[in-house]
Amino acid sequence: MRKFDKISIQEIPKRDLLLIIKALEYTGTHTNVDEFLDLKNNILMELSSLAESSKDEFLEYLHKS
C-alpha cells in the first residue's frame, strides 16, 4: 500500500462535505472532544481560503447546494 501525508478532496460532492462538517460539529459538541471542533474549523478555514471567502460565506455556499 502506498503511504501519503495529504489527500485531495476535489472529488467530494458539496453535500457530502457539508455532512462531514456538520458531523464534526455535532460530535465535538456532544462528546466535549475539542479535536473534532478543531478539525471542523481547520477544514473550513482551508476551504474558505481556497474559495477566497469567509467561513460563513463558504458554509452558506454549501447549504445552497
PDB file of N, CA and C in Angstrom:
ATOM      1  N   MET A   1       0.839  -1.167   0.000  1.00  0.00           N
ATOM      2  CA  MET A   1       0.000   0.000   0.000  1.00  0.00           C
ATOM      3  C   MET A   1       0.891   1.240   0.000  1.00  0.00           C
ATOM      4  N   ARG A   2       0.516   2.216  -0.838  1.00  0.00           N
ATOM      5  CA  ARG A   2       1.255   3.476  -0.871  1.00  0.00           C
ATOM      6  C   ARG A   2       0.897   4.320   0.338  1.00  0.00           C
ATOM      7  N   LYS A   3       1.877   5.009   0.864  1.00  0.00           N
ATOM      8  CA  LYS A   3       1.646   5.894   2.003  1.00  0.00           C
ATOM      9  C   LYS A   3       1.605   7.333   1.512  1.00  0.00           C
ATOM     10  N   PHE A   4       0.788   8.147   2.167  1.00  0.00           N
ATOM     11  CA  PHE A   4       0.687   9.550   1.797  1.00  0.00           C
ATOM     12  C   PHE A   4       0.380  10.381   3.034  1.00  0.00           C
ATOM     13  N   ASP A   5       0.772  11.652   2.980  1.00  0.00           N
ATOM     14  CA  ASP A   5       0.547  12.566   4.098  1.00  0.00           C
ATOM     15  C   ASP A   5      -0.669  13.459   3.879  1.00  0.00           C
ATOM     16  N   LYS A   6      -1.017  13.685   2.629  1.00  0.00           N
ATOM     17  CA  LYS A   6      -2.135  14.574   2.310  1.00  0.00           C
ATOM     18  C   LYS A   6      -3.029  13.910   1.277  1.00  0.00           C
ATOM     19  N   ILE A   7      -4.300  14.309   1.307  1.00  0.00           N
ATOM     20  CA  ILE A   7      -5.238  13.812   0.305  1.00  0.00           C
ATOM     21  C   ILE A   7      -5.968  14.993  -0.321  1.00  0.00           C
ATOM     22  N   SER A   8      -6.538  14.785  -1.476  1.00  0.00           N
ATOM     23  CA  SER A   8      -7.300  15.814  -2.172  1.00  0.00           C
ATOM     24  C   SER A   8      -8.787  15.565  -1.975  1.00  0.00           C
ATOM     25  N   ILE A   9      -9.530  16.640  -1.792  1.00  0.00           N
ATOM     26  CA  ILE A   9     -10.972  16.479  -1.610  1.00  0.00           C
ATOM     27  C   ILE A   9     -11.762  17.051  -2.785  1.00  0.00           C
ATOM     28  N   GLN A  10     -11.104  17.302  -3.888  1.00  0.00           N
ATOM     29  CA  GLN A  10     -11.775  17.952  -5.003  1.00  0.00           C
ATOM     30  C   GLN A  10     -12.889  17.106  -5.608  1.00  0.00           C
ATOM     31  N   GLU A  11     -12.929  15.832  -5.370  1.00  0.00           N
ATOM     32  CA  GLU A  11     -13.976  14.973  -5.923  1.00  0.00           C
ATOM     33  C   GLU A  11     -15.121  14.712  -4.945  1.00  0.00           C
ATOM     34  N   ILE A  12     -15.060  15.281  -3.753  1.00  0.00           N
ATOM     35  CA  ILE A  12     -16.126  15.096  -2.767  1.00  0.00           C
ATOM     36  C   ILE A  12     -17.254  16.068  -3.089  1.00  0.00           C
ATOM     37  N   PRO A  13     -18.475  15.570  -3.251  1.00  0.00           N
ATOM     38  CA  PRO A  13     -19.607  16.468  -3.520  1.00  0.00           C
ATOM     39  C   PRO A  13     -19.820  17.455  -2.370  1.00  0.00           C
ATOM     40  N   LYS A  14     -20.342  18.636  -2.704  1.00  0.00           N
ATOM     41  CA  LYS A  14     -20.570  19.667  -1.690  1.00  0.00           C
ATOM     42  C   LYS A  14     -21.492  19.165  -0.591  1.00  0.00           C
ATOM     43  N   ARG A  15     -22.481  18.393  -0.953  1.00  0.00           N
ATOM     44  CA  ARG A  15     -23.427  17.858   0.037  1.00  0.00           C
ATOM     45  C   ARG A  15     -22.705  16.973   1.060  1.00  0.00           C
ATOM     46  N   ASP A  16     -21.793  16.131   0.585  1.00  0.00           N
ATOM     47  CA  ASP A  16     -21.027  15.262   1.487  1.00  0.00           C
ATOM     48  C   ASP A  16     -20.091  16.077   2.378  1.00  0.00           C
ATOM     49  N   LEU A  17     -19.496  17.104   1.813  1.00  0.00           N
ATOM     50  CA  LEU A  17     -18.607  17.965   2.586  1.00  0.00           C
ATOM     51  C   LEU A  17     -19.376  18.660   3.709  1.00  0.00           C
ATOM     52  N   LEU A  18     -20.574  19.134   3.407  1.00  0.00           N
ATOM     53  CA  LEU A  18     -21.405  19.760   4.437  1.00  0.00           C
ATOM     54  C   LEU A  18     -21.760  18.750   5.519  1.00  0.00           C
ATOM     55  N   LEU A  19     -22.048  17.525   5.135  1.00  0.00           N
ATOM     56  CA  LEU A  19     -22.369  16.475   6.104  1.00  0.00           C
ATOM     57  C   LEU A  19     -21.174  16.189   7.020  1.00  0.00           C
ATOM     58  N   ILE A  20     -19.983  16.153   6.463  1.00  0.00           N
ATOM     59  CA  ILE A  20     -18.773  15.936   7.260  1.00  0.00           C
ATOM     60  C   ILE A  20     -18.597  17.072   8.269  1.00  0.00           C
ATOM     61  N   ILE A  21     -18.771  18.298   7.817  1.00  0.00           N
ATOM     62  CA  ILE A  21     -18.619  19.458   8.700  1.00  0.00           C
ATOM     63  C   ILE A  21     -19.651  19.426   9.821  1.00  0.00           C
ATOM     64  N   LYS A  22     -20.897  19.117   9.478  1.00  0.00           N
ATOM     65  CA  LYS A  22     -21.952  19.030  10.495  1.00  0.00           C
ATOM     66  C   LYS A  22     -21.681  17.892  11.479  1.00  0.00           C
ATOM     67  N   ALA A  23     -21.178  16.773  10.983  1.00  0.00           N
ATOM     68  CA  ALA A  23     -20.881  15.631  11.855  1.00  0.00           C
ATOM     69  C   ALA A  23     -19.753  15.963  12.828  1.00  0.00           C
ATOM     70  N   LEU A  24     -18.742  16.667  12.356  1.00  0.00           N
ATOM     71  CA  LEU A  24     -17.652  17.078  13.238  1.00  0.00           C
ATOM     72  C   LEU A  24     -18.160  18.036  14.314  1.00  0.00           C
ATOM     73  N   GLU A  25     -19.022  18.966  13.926  1.00  0.00           N
ATOM     74  CA  GLU A  25     -19.605  19.913  14.889  1.00  0.00           C
ATOM     75  C   GLU A  25     -20.431  19.172  15.937  1.00  0.00           C
ATOM     76  N   TYR A  26     -21.299  18.284  15.483  1.00  0.00           N
ATOM     77  CA  TYR A  26     -22.165  17.520  16.392  1.00  0.00           C
ATOM     78  C   TYR A  26     -21.331  16.669  17.354  1.00  0.00           C
ATOM     79  N   THR A  27     -20.370  15.956  16.807  1.00  0.00           N
ATOM     80  CA  THR A  27     -19.550  15.065  17.628  1.00  0.00           C
ATOM     81  C   THR A  27     -18.730  15.853  18.644  1.00  0.00           C
ATOM     82  N   GLY A  28     -18.122  16.935  18.196  1.00  0.00           N
ATOM     83  CA  GLY A  28     -17.336  17.752  19.112  1.00  0.00           C
ATOM     84  C   GLY A  28     -18.169  18.357  20.224  1.00  0.00           C
ATOM     85  N   THR A  29     -19.372  18.785  19.884  1.00  0.00           N
ATOM     86  CA  THR A  29     -20.262  19.394  20.872  1.00  0.00           C
ATOM     87  C   THR A  29     -20.778  18.374  21.872  1.00  0.00           C
ATOM     88  N   HIS A  30     -21.134  17.190  21.407  1.00  0.00           N
ATOM     89  CA  HIS A  30     -21.759  16.195  22.276  1.00  0.00           C
ATOM     90  C   HIS A  30     -20.777  15.285  23.015  1.00  0.00           C
ATOM     91  N   THR A  31     -19.510  15.304  22.625  1.00  0.00           N
ATOM     92  CA  THR A  31     -18.521  14.472  23.325  1.00  0.00           C
ATOM     93  C   THR A  31     -17.520  15.308  24.118  1.00  0.00           C
ATOM     94  N   ASN A  32     -17.576  16.618  23.918  1.00  0.00           N
ATOM     95  CA  ASN A  32     -16.611  17.533  24.542  1.00  0.00           C
ATOM     96  C   ASN A  32     -15.169  17.197  24.161  1.00  0.00           C
ATOM     97  N   VAL A  33     -14.981  16.660  22.964  1.00  0.00           N
ATOM     98  CA  VAL A  33     -13.642  16.395  22.430  1.00  0.00           C
ATOM     99  C   VAL A  33     -13.323  17.531  21.453  1.00  0.00           C
ATOM    100  N   ASP A  34     -12.481  18.444  21.901  1.00  0.00           N
ATOM    101  CA  ASP A  34     -12.198  19.646  21.121  1.00  0.00           C
ATOM    102  C   ASP A  34     -11.528  19.366  19.779  1.00  0.00           C
ATOM    103  N   GLU A  35     -10.877  18.232  19.642  1.00  0.00           N
ATOM    104  CA  GLU A  35     -10.196  17.917  18.386  1.00  0.00           C
ATOM    105  C   GLU A  35     -11.169  17.849  17.212  1.00  0.00           C
ATOM    106  N   PHE A  36     -12.407  17.416  17.462  1.00  0.00           N
ATOM    107  CA  PHE A  36     -13.402  17.373  16.385  1.00  0.00           C
ATOM    108  C   PHE A  36     -13.758  18.788  15.932  1.00  0.00           C
ATOM    109  N   LEU A  37     -13.920  19.682  16.887  1.00  0.00           N
ATOM    110  CA  LEU A  37     -14.234  21.072  16.554  1.00  0.00           C
ATOM    111  C   LEU A  37     -13.039  21.751  15.890  1.00  0.00           C
ATOM    112  N   ASP A  38     -11.839  21.432  16.355  1.00  0.00           N
ATOM    113  CA  ASP A  38     -10.634  21.981  15.733  1.00  0.00           C
ATOM    114  C   ASP A  38     -10.510  21.520  14.286  1.00  0.00           C
ATOM    115  N   LEU A  39     -10.775  20.244  14.047  1.00  0.00           N
ATOM    116  CA  LEU A  39     -10.706  19.711  12.688  1.00  0.00           C
ATOM    117  C   LEU A  39     -11.739  20.384  11.794  1.00  0.00           C
ATOM    118  N   LYS A  40     -12.954  20.544  12.294  1.00  0.00           N
ATOM    119  CA  LYS A  40     -14.003  21.230  11.527  1.00  0.00           C
ATOM    120  C   LYS A  40     -13.561  22.643  11.170  1.00  0.00           C
ATOM    121  N   ASN A  41     -13.019  23.358  12.149  1.00  0.00           N
ATOM    122  CA  ASN A  41     -12.576  24.732  11.908  1.00  0.00           C
ATOM    123  C   ASN A  41     -11.400  24.790  10.939  1.00  0.00           C
ATOM    124  N   ASN A  42     -10.476  23.836  11.039  1.00  0.00           N
ATOM    125  CA  ASN A  42      -9.340  23.795  10.110  1.00  0.00           C
ATOM    126  C   ASN A  42      -9.799  23.529   8.682  1.00  0.00           C
ATOM    127  N   ILE A  43     -10.731  22.607   8.522  1.00  0.00           N
ATOM    128  CA  ILE A  43     -11.265  22.307   7.188  1.00  0.00           C
ATOM    129  C   ILE A  43     -11.946  23.540   6.611  1.00  0.00           C
ATOM    130  N   LEU A  44     -12.790  24.181   7.422  1.00  0.00           N
ATOM    131  CA  LEU A  44     -13.484  25.382   6.952  1.00  0.00           C
ATOM    132  C   LEU A  44     -12.514  26.509   6.622  1.00  0.00           C
ATOM    133  N   MET A  45     -11.492  26.675   7.438  1.00  0.00           N
ATOM    134  CA  MET A  45     -10.512  27.728   7.200  1.00  0.00           C
ATOM    135  C   MET A  45      -9.786  27.494   5.873  1.00  0.00           C
ATOM    136  N   GLU A  46      -9.348  26.263   5.635  1.00  0.00           N
ATOM    137  CA  GLU A  46      -8.630  25.953   4.397  1.00  0.00           C
ATOM    138  C   GLU A  46      -9.519  26.124   3.165  1.00  0.00           C
ATOM    139  N   LEU A  47     -10.735  25.592   3.239  1.00  0.00           N
ATOM    140  CA  LEU A  47     -11.621  25.653   2.078  1.00  0.00           C
ATOM    141  C   LEU A  47     -12.107  27.068   1.800  1.00  0.00           C
ATOM    142  N   SER A  48     -12.396  27.824   2.843  1.00  0.00           N
ATOM    143  CA  SER A  48     -12.830  29.205   2.616  1.00  0.00           C
ATOM    144  C   SER A  48     -11.675  30.038   2.062  1.00  0.00           C
ATOM    145  N   SER A  49     -10.467  29.731   2.477  1.00  0.00           N
ATOM    146  CA  SER A  49      -9.304  30.420   1.928  1.00  0.00           C
ATOM    147  C   SER A  49      -9.142  30.111   0.441  1.00  0.00           C
ATOM    148  N   LEU A  50      -9.300  28.848   0.076  1.00  0.00           N
ATOM    149  CA  LEU A  50      -9.216  28.468  -1.340  1.00  0.00           C
ATOM    150  C   LEU A  50     -10.303  29.136  -2.171  1.00  0.00           C
ATOM    151  N   ALA A  51     -11.479  29.300  -1.564  1.00  0.00           N
ATOM    152  CA  ALA A  51     -12.606  29.920  -2.264  1.00  0.00           C
ATOM    153  C   ALA A  51     -12.568  31.446  -2.169  1.00  0.00           C
ATOM    154  N   GLU A  52     -11.561  31.974  -1.473  1.00  0.00           N
ATOM    155  CA  GLU A  52     -11.427  33.415  -1.260  1.00  0.00           C
ATOM    156  C   GLU A  52     -12.710  33.999  -0.674  1.00  0.00           C
ATOM    157  N   SER A  53     -13.179  33.362   0.400  1.00  0.00           N
ATOM    158  CA  SER A  53     -14.396  33.804   1.079  1.00  0.00           C
ATOM    159  C   SER A  53     -14.211  33.639   2.583  1.00  0.00           C
ATOM    160  N   SER A  54     -15.187  34.128   3.328  1.00  0.00           N
ATOM    161  CA  SER A  54     -15.163  33.908   4.775  1.00  0.00           C
ATOM    162  C   SER A  54     -15.722  32.516   5.066  1.00  0.00           C
ATOM    163  N   LYS A  55     -15.529  32.058   6.303  1.00  0.00           N
ATOM    164  CA  LYS A  55     -16.093  30.758   6.692  1.00  0.00           C
ATOM    165  C   LYS A  55     -17.607  30.764   6.544  1.00  0.00           C
ATOM    166  N   ASP A  56     -18.234  31.865   6.972  1.00  0.00           N
ATOM    167  CA  ASP A  56     -19.694  31.960   6.891  1.00  0.00           C
ATOM    168  C   ASP A  56     -20.183  31.940   5.448  1.00  0.00           C
ATOM    169  N   GLU A  57     -19.498  32.647   4.566  1.00  0.00           N
ATOM    170  CA  GLU A  57     -19.871  32.645   3.148  1.00  0.00           C
ATOM    171  C   GLU A  57     -19.726  31.247   2.552  1.00  0.00           C
ATOM    172  N   PHE A  58     -18.660  30.558   2.939  1.00  0.00           N
ATOM    173  CA  PHE A  58     -18.440  29.219   2.405  1.00  0.00           C
ATOM    174  C   PHE A  58     -19.508  28.251   2.895  1.00  0.00           C
ATOM    175  N   LEU A  59     -19.867  28.337   4.181  1.00  0.00           N
ATOM    176  CA  LEU A  59     -20.932  27.479   4.714  1.00  0.00           C
ATOM    177  C   LEU A  59     -22.262  27.764   4.028  1.00  0.00           C
ATOM    178  N   GLU A  60     -22.547  29.033   3.790  1.00  0.00           N
ATOM    179  CA  GLU A  60     -23.779  29.397   3.085  1.00  0.00           C
ATOM    180  C   GLU A  60     -23.782  28.801   1.678  1.00  0.00           C
ATOM    181  N   TYR A  61     -22.639  28.840   1.021  1.00  0.00           N
ATOM    182  CA  TYR A  61     -22.493  28.252  -0.309  1.00  0.00           C
ATOM    183  C   TYR A  61     -22.785  26.749  -0.277  1.00  0.00           C
ATOM    184  N   LEU A  62     -22.276  26.052   0.740  1.00  0.00           N
ATOM    185  CA  LEU A  62     -22.529  24.614   0.860  1.00  0.00           C
ATOM    186  C   LEU A  62     -24.006  24.330   1.139  1.00  0.00           C
ATOM    187  N   HIS A  63     -24.622  25.177   1.949  1.00  0.00           N
ATOM    188  CA  HIS A  63     -26.039  24.984   2.279  1.00  0.00           C
ATOM    189  C   HIS A  63     -26.937  25.169   1.057  1.00  0.00           C
ATOM    190  N   LYS A  64     -26.532  26.018   0.119  1.00  0.00           N
ATOM    191  CA  LYS A  64     -27.346  26.283  -1.070  1.00  0.00           C
ATOM    192  C   LYS A  64     -27.297  25.148  -2.078  1.00  0.00           C
ATOM    193  N   SER A  65     -26.393  24.230  -1.894  1.00  0.00           N
ATOM    194  CA  SER A  65     -26.208  23.135  -2.865  1.00  0.00           C
ATOM    195  C   SER A  65     -27.291  22.097  -2.774  1.00  0.00           C
TER     196      SER A  65
END
